[in-house]
Structures are given as structure tokens and as C-alpha cells.
PDB file of all heavy atoms in Angstrom:
ATOM      1  N   ALA A   1      89.699  94.903 110.142  1.00  0.00           N
ATOM      2  CA  ALA A   1      88.304  94.648 110.489  1.00  0.00           C
ATOM      3  C   ALA A   1      87.469  94.385 109.242  1.00  0.00           C
ATOM      4  O   ALA A   1      86.631  93.468 109.210  1.00  0.00           O
ATOM      5  CB  ALA A   1      87.733  95.843 111.266  1.00  0.00           C
ATOM      6  N   ALA A   2      87.718  95.165 108.205  1.00  0.00           N
ATOM      7  CA  ALA A   2      86.940  95.039 106.968  1.00  0.00           C
ATOM      8  C   ALA A   2      87.159  93.686 106.289  1.00  0.00           C
ATOM      9  O   ALA A   2      86.298  93.234 105.522  1.00  0.00           O
ATOM     10  CB  ALA A   2      87.288  96.165 106.007  1.00  0.00           C
ATOM     11  N   SER A   3      88.274  93.046 106.562  1.00  0.00           N
ATOM     12  CA  SER A   3      88.570  91.755 105.934  1.00  0.00           C
ATOM     13  C   SER A   3      87.856  90.596 106.611  1.00  0.00           C
ATOM     14  O   SER A   3      87.904  89.471 106.121  1.00  0.00           O
ATOM     15  CB  SER A   3      90.081  91.505 105.939  1.00  0.00           C
ATOM     16  OG  SER A   3      90.556  91.339 107.276  1.00  0.00           O
ATOM     17  N   THR A   4      87.193  90.859 107.748  1.00  0.00           N
ATOM     18  CA  THR A   4      86.494  89.804 108.466  1.00  0.00           C
ATOM     19  C   THR A   4      85.045  89.706 107.984  1.00  0.00           C
ATOM     20  O   THR A   4      84.430  90.714 107.646  1.00  0.00           O
ATOM     21  CB  THR A   4      86.507  90.063 109.989  1.00  0.00           C
ATOM     22  OG1 THR A   4      85.788  91.262 110.271  1.00  0.00           O
ATOM     23  CG2 THR A   4      87.946  90.206 110.489  1.00  0.00           C
ATOM     24  N   PRO A   5      84.461  88.502 107.970  1.00  0.00           N
ATOM     25  CA  PRO A   5      83.098  88.329 107.475  1.00  0.00           C
ATOM     26  C   PRO A   5      82.048  89.098 108.272  1.00  0.00           C
ATOM     27  O   PRO A   5      81.014  89.491 107.723  1.00  0.00           O
ATOM     28  CB  PRO A   5      82.882  86.812 107.605  1.00  0.00           C
ATOM     29  CG  PRO A   5      84.248  86.217 107.604  1.00  0.00           C
ATOM     30  CD  PRO A   5      85.129  87.216 108.295  1.00  0.00           C
ATOM     31  N   SER A   6      82.307  89.320 109.569  1.00  0.00           N
ATOM     32  CA  SER A   6      81.295  89.966 110.404  1.00  0.00           C
ATOM     33  C   SER A   6      81.138  91.452 110.135  1.00  0.00           C
ATOM     34  O   SER A   6      80.104  92.043 110.475  1.00  0.00           O
ATOM     35  CB  SER A   6      81.640  89.758 111.890  1.00  0.00           C
ATOM     36  OG  SER A   6      82.899  90.350 112.189  1.00  0.00           O
ATOM     37  N   VAL A   7      82.143  92.072 109.509  1.00  0.00           N
ATOM     38  CA  VAL A   7      82.070  93.507 109.210  1.00  0.00           C
ATOM     39  C   VAL A   7      81.525  93.676 107.794  1.00  0.00           C
ATOM     40  O   VAL A   7      82.133  93.243 106.823  1.00  0.00           O
ATOM     41  CB  VAL A   7      83.450  94.171 109.344  1.00  0.00           C
ATOM     42  CG1 VAL A   7      83.397  95.635 108.863  1.00  0.00           C
ATOM     43  CG2 VAL A   7      83.914  94.134 110.790  1.00  0.00           C
ATOM     44  N   THR A   8      80.374  94.337 107.701  1.00  0.00           N
ATOM     45  CA  THR A   8      79.700  94.462 106.399  1.00  0.00           C
ATOM     46  C   THR A   8      79.581  95.894 105.900  1.00  0.00           C
ATOM     47  O   THR A   8      79.196  96.122 104.758  1.00  0.00           O
ATOM     48  CB  THR A   8      78.288  93.864 106.482  1.00  0.00           C
ATOM     49  OG1 THR A   8      77.545  94.552 107.507  1.00  0.00           O
ATOM     50  CG2 THR A   8      78.358  92.371 106.823  1.00  0.00           C
ATOM     51  N   ALA A   9      79.890  96.867 106.764  1.00  0.00           N
ATOM     52  CA  ALA A   9      79.776  98.277 106.375  1.00  0.00           C
ATOM     53  C   ALA A   9      80.920  99.072 107.027  1.00  0.00           C
ATOM     54  O   ALA A   9      81.178  98.923 108.218  1.00  0.00           O
ATOM     55  CB  ALA A   9      78.436  98.846 106.801  1.00  0.00           C
ATOM     56  N   VAL A  10      81.568  99.909 106.215  1.00  0.00           N
ATOM     57  CA  VAL A  10      82.716 100.680 106.682  1.00  0.00           C
ATOM     58  C   VAL A  10      82.629 102.076 106.081  1.00  0.00           C
ATOM     59  O   VAL A  10      82.233 102.234 104.913  1.00  0.00           O
ATOM     60  CB  VAL A  10      84.061 100.017 106.270  1.00  0.00           C
ATOM     61  CG1 VAL A  10      85.239 100.939 106.590  1.00  0.00           C
ATOM     62  CG2 VAL A  10      84.232  98.686 106.962  1.00  0.00           C
ATOM     63  N   THR A  11      82.994 103.076 106.864  1.00  0.00           N
ATOM     64  CA  THR A  11      83.155 104.436 106.328  1.00  0.00           C
ATOM     65  C   THR A  11      84.549 104.903 106.681  1.00  0.00           C
ATOM     66  O   THR A  11      84.965 104.834 107.847  1.00  0.00           O
ATOM     67  CB  THR A  11      82.117 105.404 106.930  1.00  0.00           C
ATOM     68  OG1 THR A  11      80.804 104.891 106.715  1.00  0.00           O
ATOM     69  CG2 THR A  11      82.243 106.775 106.294  1.00  0.00           C
ATOM     70  N   THR A  12      85.298 105.365 105.679  1.00  0.00           N
ATOM     71  CA  THR A  12      86.689 105.761 105.941  1.00  0.00           C
ATOM     72  C   THR A  12      87.191 106.694 104.847  1.00  0.00           C
ATOM     73  O   THR A  12      86.427 107.145 103.995  1.00  0.00           O
ATOM     74  CB  THR A  12      87.593 104.521 106.071  1.00  0.00           C
ATOM     75  OG1 THR A  12      88.891 104.929 106.540  1.00  0.00           O
ATOM     76  CG2 THR A  12      87.730 103.789 104.747  1.00  0.00           C
ATOM     77  N   TRP A  13      88.492 106.997 104.901  1.00  0.00           N
ATOM     78  CA  TRP A  13      89.121 107.915 103.954  1.00  0.00           C
ATOM     79  C   TRP A  13      90.300 107.212 103.285  1.00  0.00           C
ATOM     80  O   TRP A  13      90.744 106.143 103.706  1.00  0.00           O
ATOM     81  CB  TRP A  13      89.600 109.182 104.673  1.00  0.00           C
ATOM     82  CG  TRP A  13      90.492 108.900 105.855  1.00  0.00           C
ATOM     83  CD1 TRP A  13      91.816 108.553 105.855  1.00  0.00           C
ATOM     84  CD2 TRP A  13      90.102 108.928 107.243  1.00  0.00           C
ATOM     85  NE1 TRP A  13      92.279 108.381 107.133  1.00  0.00           N
ATOM     86  CE2 TRP A  13      91.261 108.604 108.000  1.00  0.00           C
ATOM     87  CE3 TRP A  13      88.911 109.231 107.900  1.00  0.00           C
ATOM     88  CZ2 TRP A  13      91.241 108.543 109.412  1.00  0.00           C
ATOM     89  CZ3 TRP A  13      88.908 109.158 109.302  1.00  0.00           C
ATOM     90  CH2 TRP A  13      90.056 108.829 110.023  1.00  0.00           C
ATOM     91  N   ASN A  14      90.827 107.825 102.256  1.00  0.00           N
ATOM     92  CA  ASN A  14      91.991 107.290 101.562  1.00  0.00           C
ATOM     93  C   ASN A  14      93.263 107.495 102.379  1.00  0.00           C
ATOM     94  O   ASN A  14      93.374 108.472 103.101  1.00  0.00           O
ATOM     95  CB  ASN A  14      92.159 107.947 100.185  1.00  0.00           C
ATOM     96  CG  ASN A  14      91.430 107.187  99.105  1.00  0.00           C
ATOM     97  OD1 ASN A  14      91.389 105.960  99.123  1.00  0.00           O
ATOM     98  ND2 ASN A  14      90.825 107.918  98.170  1.00  0.00           N
ATOM     99  N   PRO A  15      94.228 106.565 102.253  1.00  0.00           N
ATOM    100  CA  PRO A  15      94.277 105.426 101.325  1.00  0.00           C
ATOM    101  C   PRO A  15      93.524 104.181 101.784  1.00  0.00           C
ATOM    102  O   PRO A  15      93.438 103.202 101.065  1.00  0.00           O
ATOM    103  CB  PRO A  15      95.787 105.145 101.225  1.00  0.00           C
ATOM    104  CG  PRO A  15      96.321 105.537 102.554  1.00  0.00           C
ATOM    105  CD  PRO A  15      95.512 106.743 102.975  1.00  0.00           C
ATOM    106  N   LEU A  16      92.976 104.208 103.023  1.00  0.00           N
ATOM    107  CA  LEU A  16      92.243 103.039 103.518  1.00  0.00           C
ATOM    108  C   LEU A  16      91.043 102.724 102.646  1.00  0.00           C
ATOM    109  O   LEU A  16      90.719 101.553 102.406  1.00  0.00           O
ATOM    110  CB  LEU A  16      91.781 103.282 104.955  1.00  0.00           C
ATOM    111  CG  LEU A  16      92.837 103.685 105.982  1.00  0.00           C
ATOM    112  CD1 LEU A  16      92.197 103.902 107.350  1.00  0.00           C
ATOM    113  CD2 LEU A  16      93.934 102.644 106.065  1.00  0.00           C
ATOM    114  N   LEU A  17      90.368 103.754 102.158  1.00  0.00           N
ATOM    115  CA  LEU A  17      89.174 103.581 101.338  1.00  0.00           C
ATOM    116  C   LEU A  17      89.462 102.718 100.124  1.00  0.00           C
ATOM    117  O   LEU A  17      88.751 101.728  99.859  1.00  0.00           O
ATOM    118  CB  LEU A  17      88.640 104.950 100.907  1.00  0.00           C
ATOM    119  CG  LEU A  17      87.351 104.945 100.095  1.00  0.00           C
ATOM    120  CD1 LEU A  17      86.171 104.530 100.954  1.00  0.00           C
ATOM    121  CD2 LEU A  17      87.095 106.332  99.493  1.00  0.00           C
ATOM    122  N   ASN A  18      90.498 103.066  99.379  1.00  0.00           N
ATOM    123  CA  ASN A  18      90.817 102.299  98.171  1.00  0.00           C
ATOM    124  C   ASN A  18      91.263 100.880  98.504  1.00  0.00           C
ATOM    125  O   ASN A  18      90.986  99.933  97.762  1.00  0.00           O
ATOM    126  CB  ASN A  18      91.898 103.015  97.365  1.00  0.00           C
ATOM    127  CG  ASN A  18      91.365 104.233  96.637  1.00  0.00           C
ATOM    128  OD1 ASN A  18      90.172 104.321  96.344  1.00  0.00           O
ATOM    129  ND2 ASN A  18      92.233 105.184  96.345  1.00  0.00           N
ATOM    130  N   GLU A  19      91.963 100.717  99.634  1.00  0.00           N
ATOM    131  CA  GLU A  19      92.437  99.390 100.023  1.00  0.00           C
ATOM    132  C   GLU A  19      91.256  98.468 100.351  1.00  0.00           C
ATOM    133  O   GLU A  19      91.220  97.311  99.927  1.00  0.00           O
ATOM    134  CB  GLU A  19      93.373  99.505 101.229  1.00  0.00           C
ATOM    135  CG  GLU A  19      94.102  98.217 101.565  1.00  0.00           C
ATOM    136  CD  GLU A  19      95.182  98.403 102.610  1.00  0.00           C
ATOM    137  OE1 GLU A  19      95.504  99.562 102.963  1.00  0.00           O
ATOM    138  OE2 GLU A  19      95.720  97.376 103.080  1.00  0.00           O
ATOM    139  N   ILE A  20      90.298  98.982 101.086  1.00  0.00           N
ATOM    140  CA  ILE A  20      89.120  98.162 101.438  1.00  0.00           C
ATOM    141  C   ILE A  20      88.241  97.934 100.214  1.00  0.00           C
ATOM    142  O   ILE A  20      87.675  96.847 100.024  1.00  0.00           O
ATOM    143  CB  ILE A  20      88.338  98.838 102.580  1.00  0.00           C
ATOM    144  CG1 ILE A  20      89.208  98.902 103.842  1.00  0.00           C
ATOM    145  CG2 ILE A  20      87.053  98.076 102.873  1.00  0.00           C
ATOM    146  CD1 ILE A  20      88.615  99.721 104.976  1.00  0.00           C
ATOM    147  N   LEU A  21      88.134  98.945  99.366  1.00  0.00           N
ATOM    148  CA  LEU A  21      87.311  98.819  98.153  1.00  0.00           C
ATOM    149  C   LEU A  21      87.829  97.713  97.238  1.00  0.00           C
ATOM    150  O   LEU A  21      87.058  97.101  96.481  1.00  0.00           O
ATOM    151  CB  LEU A  21      87.288 100.154  97.408  1.00  0.00           C
ATOM    152  CG  LEU A  21      86.398 100.246  96.158  1.00  0.00           C
ATOM    153  CD1 LEU A  21      84.942  99.899  96.499  1.00  0.00           C
ATOM    154  CD2 LEU A  21      86.487 101.644  95.557  1.00  0.00           C
ATOM    155  N   SER A  22      89.123  97.419  97.325  1.00  0.00           N
ATOM    156  CA  SER A  22      89.701  96.370  96.480  1.00  0.00           C
ATOM    157  C   SER A  22      89.361  94.962  96.968  1.00  0.00           C
ATOM    158  O   SER A  22      89.650  93.974  96.269  1.00  0.00           O
ATOM    159  CB  SER A  22      91.232  96.533  96.421  1.00  0.00           C
ATOM    160  OG  SER A  22      91.824  96.233  97.676  1.00  0.00           O
ATOM    161  N   MET A  23      88.751  94.850  98.138  1.00  0.00           N
ATOM    162  CA  MET A  23      88.378  93.537  98.675  1.00  0.00           C
ATOM    163  C   MET A  23      87.189  92.975  97.905  1.00  0.00           C
ATOM    164  O   MET A  23      86.356  93.739  97.397  1.00  0.00           O
ATOM    165  CB  MET A  23      88.052  93.653 100.165  1.00  0.00           C
ATOM    166  CG  MET A  23      89.236  94.059 101.022  1.00  0.00           C
ATOM    167  SD  MET A  23      88.781  94.206 102.787  1.00  0.00           S
ATOM    168  CE  MET A  23      90.372  94.728 103.480  1.00  0.00           C
ATOM    169  N   PRO A  24      87.058  91.663  97.814  1.00  0.00           N
ATOM    170  CA  PRO A  24      85.977  91.038  97.042  1.00  0.00           C
ATOM    171  C   PRO A  24      84.586  91.462  97.521  1.00  0.00           C
ATOM    172  O   PRO A  24      84.348  91.600  98.723  1.00  0.00           O
ATOM    173  CB  PRO A  24      86.196  89.540  97.288  1.00  0.00           C
ATOM    174  CG  PRO A  24      87.634  89.418  97.657  1.00  0.00           C
ATOM    175  CD  PRO A  24      87.976  90.677  98.390  1.00  0.00           C
TER     176      PRO A  24
END
């Protein structure tokens, strides 16, 4: 979901947090 343009805000935990944080 975080990789799609329509999603602009996410709250989560690791390891998902670091994976999404690495996105542009």
C-alpha cells in the first residue's frame, strides 16, 4: 500500500517501518 501514490501516511512497526522508510 505504501508503494502506491495514493497512500501518503503510514504508521507501523519494524521491520515494515524500515522497509517503507527506504522508499523515495
